[in-house]
Amino acid sequence: MDISRIYYDACQFEETAGFLSHQISLPLARPPVIAFVVNATFSIELFLKCLIVIETRKKPKRIHDLHELYRMLSRESQTAVNDEFLKIVALSPLLNIPDFPSDNLQGGVESVLKGMDDAFVKWRYSSMGMTKSYNVSFTKEIITSIKVRINSIYSIQ
């Protein structure tokens, strides 16, 4: 498994999600919400798979369930990702918004991932009415937390 390839593929989806996130904030007739959700959650999936490959040296399962992928990480990586996530989220201006849906933050990154475990699959097929509501407000923070862990234990070439 080429770890660097997985990492850089994930970075491309992350960068696309970042661009789309900016577009969503503009007053557009049709903001690219679907494209953002698909790219952001697929980026998370790839970063998790990258970390799994680093830890196990095995090809990751071909699944899209973010929560299940997170549970495949070592306990040490789960703790490191969660601690970094909570540190970043504590500084988020979103938490200052009245009535912001932050209830799933109580369980940390695992709870947030569980809340959007199949977002990539469901939103890819939104034209078939398969979407459901997800709180994807902290995708950037999740991505950053996973990348911090990856870069702390592996040197990406």
Foldseek 3Di string as FASTA:
>chain_A
DQLLVLLVVLVVLVVVLVVLVVQQPDPDPDRPPLSNLLSLLVSLVSLLQSQLCVVPVDRDDPDSFNLVSLVSHDPVLNVQLQVQLVVVVVPDCLVVDPPRPCVQCVVTPSSLSNQCRCSNVQSVVVVVVSHDDHDCVCSVSSSVSSVVSCVVRDDRD
